[in-house]
Protein backbone atom coordinates (compact mmCIF):
# COMPACT_ATOMS: atom_id res chain seq x y z
CA UNK A 1 -0.18 0.13 0.01
CA UNK A 2 1.39 3.42 -0.77
CA UNK A 3 1.17 5.82 2.35
CA UNK A 4 3.05 9.18 2.02
CA UNK A 5 3.46 11.06 5.09
CA UNK A 6 -0.09 13.32 6.16
CA UNK A 7 2.10 16.43 5.70
CA UNK A 8 3.59 16.22 2.19
CA UNK A 9 2.63 18.34 -0.45
CA UNK A 10 1.03 16.45 -3.58
CA UNK A 11 1.04 18.44 -7.13
CA UNK A 12 -1.49 16.85 -9.64
CA UNK A 13 -0.21 17.90 -13.36
CA UNK A 14 -3.67 18.20 -15.01
CA UNK A 15 -2.59 18.09 -18.33
CA UNK A 16 -1.98 14.64 -19.89
CA UNK A 17 1.15 12.86 -19.56
CA UNK A 18 2.69 9.85 -21.82
CA UNK A 19 3.09 6.81 -19.43
CA UNK A 20 5.89 5.40 -21.68
CA UNK A 21 8.09 8.14 -19.28
CA UNK A 22 9.75 6.75 -16.44
CA UNK A 23 12.23 8.73 -13.73
CA UNK A 24 14.09 10.59 -15.79
CA UNK A 25 11.26 11.42 -18.40
CA UNK A 26 9.02 12.58 -15.37
CA UNK A 27 11.60 14.52 -13.54
CA UNK A 28 12.33 16.56 -16.69
CA UNK A 29 8.18 17.53 -16.82
CA UNK A 30 8.58 18.25 -12.90
CA UNK A 31 11.38 20.71 -13.40
CA UNK A 32 10.61 22.03 -16.89
CA UNK A 33 6.34 22.28 -16.62
CA UNK A 34 5.63 21.65 -13.16
CA UNK A 35 7.93 24.26 -12.27
CA UNK A 36 9.10 22.68 -8.92
CA UNK A 37 11.97 20.35 -8.20
CA UNK A 38 11.57 16.84 -7.84
CA UNK A 39 14.28 15.85 -5.33
CA UNK A 40 11.93 18.20 -3.11
CA UNK A 41 10.16 15.02 -1.28
CA UNK A 42 6.99 16.24 -2.69
CA UNK A 43 4.63 13.98 -4.48
CA UNK A 44 3.70 14.71 -8.35
CA UNK A 45 0.93 12.76 -10.26
CA UNK A 46 0.62 12.19 -13.62
CA UNK A 47 -2.06 10.96 -15.62
CA UNK A 48 -2.43 9.74 -19.06
CA UNK A 49 -4.85 11.66 -21.48
CA UNK A 50 -7.50 8.83 -21.41
CA UNK A 51 -7.27 9.09 -17.71
CA UNK A 52 -6.81 5.25 -17.34
CA UNK A 53 -3.18 5.34 -15.94
CA UNK A 54 -1.61 7.19 -13.35
CA UNK A 55 1.82 7.82 -11.97
CA UNK A 56 3.25 9.05 -9.24
CA UNK A 57 6.58 10.46 -8.58
CA UNK A 58 8.50 11.25 -5.40
CA UNK A 59 12.27 11.31 -4.17
CA UNK A 60 12.60 9.72 -0.55
CA UNK A 61 16.25 9.66 1.21
CA UNK A 62 18.01 7.47 -1.28
CA UNK A 63 16.57 7.89 -4.59
CA UNK A 64 13.52 8.58 -6.87
CA UNK A 65 10.61 6.21 -6.42
CA UNK A 66 7.51 5.83 -9.04
CA UNK A 67 3.96 4.19 -7.94
CA UNK A 68 1.46 3.68 -10.55
CA UNK A 69 -2.01 2.16 -11.32
CA UNK A 70 -3.74 1.04 -14.28
CA UNK A 71 -7.61 0.94 -14.11
CA UNK A 72 -9.34 -1.68 -15.83
CA UNK A 73 -12.56 0.22 -15.88
CA UNK A 74 -13.11 3.60 -15.42
CA UNK A 75 -11.71 6.95 -15.54
CA UNK A 76 -9.22 9.13 -12.74
CA UNK A 77 -12.03 12.17 -12.68
CA UNK A 78 -10.38 15.63 -11.64
CA UNK A 79 -10.80 18.95 -12.66
CA UNK A 80 -8.14 20.88 -14.97
CA UNK A 81 -6.45 24.11 -14.26
CA UNK A 82 -5.15 27.09 -16.06
CA UNK A 83 -1.75 26.70 -14.42
CA UNK A 84 -1.68 23.16 -15.71
CA UNK A 85 -1.00 21.98 -12.15
CA UNK A 86 -2.67 21.91 -8.57
CA UNK A 87 -1.93 21.66 -5.10
CA UNK A 88 -3.91 18.42 -3.81
CA UNK A 89 -3.89 17.27 -0.10
CA UNK A 90 -3.69 13.30 0.80
CA UNK A 91 -7.55 12.97 1.32
CA UNK A 92 -7.90 14.81 -2.03
CA UNK A 93 -5.20 11.70 -3.78
CA UNK A 94 -7.31 9.16 -1.38
CA UNK A 95 -10.43 10.51 -3.61
CA UNK A 96 -9.15 10.58 -7.33
CA UNK A 97 -7.99 7.18 -6.54
CA UNK A 98 -10.98 5.80 -5.36
CA UNK A 99 -13.24 7.40 -8.44
CA UNK A 100 -14.85 9.50 -5.89
CA UNK A 101 -15.72 13.09 -7.45
CA UNK A 102 -17.21 15.98 -4.91
CA UNK A 103 -18.68 18.44 -6.41
CA UNK A 104 -18.92 20.70 -3.55
CA UNK A 105 -16.22 21.02 -0.99
CA UNK A 106 -17.00 22.75 2.33
CA UNK A 107 -13.86 22.70 4.75
CA UNK A 108 -15.20 23.76 8.44
CA UNK A 109 -13.12 25.77 10.71
CA UNK A 110 -10.83 23.59 12.50
CA UNK A 111 -8.40 24.64 14.96
CA UNK A 112 -5.07 25.36 14.02
CA UNK A 113 -1.65 24.98 16.79
CA UNK A 114 0.76 28.33 16.11
CA UNK A 115 3.91 26.85 14.91
């Protein structure tokens, strides 16, 4: 099971990606297209044009890791953005992986411990 840390930053690339790309190709996309550092430890989510394949690239303490999923039926549903990327949290990634689309989200106020 793929379990990232709860406070890790997750970036969803909202433009389709060629799923033949591997470590070097995806890290180049992170640098050039998403304008982020692929060595930052953040997660970068890529989905193909047909929305049936997903790859998640991240860098742990010793090297690059890729997690991938291919759907046998259905598609990954997400909204595109003009910037070509969108920041999501762990809960939104789980919903995307499980095929649940939330039309309206309302985040209720919660206590936040001052840092």
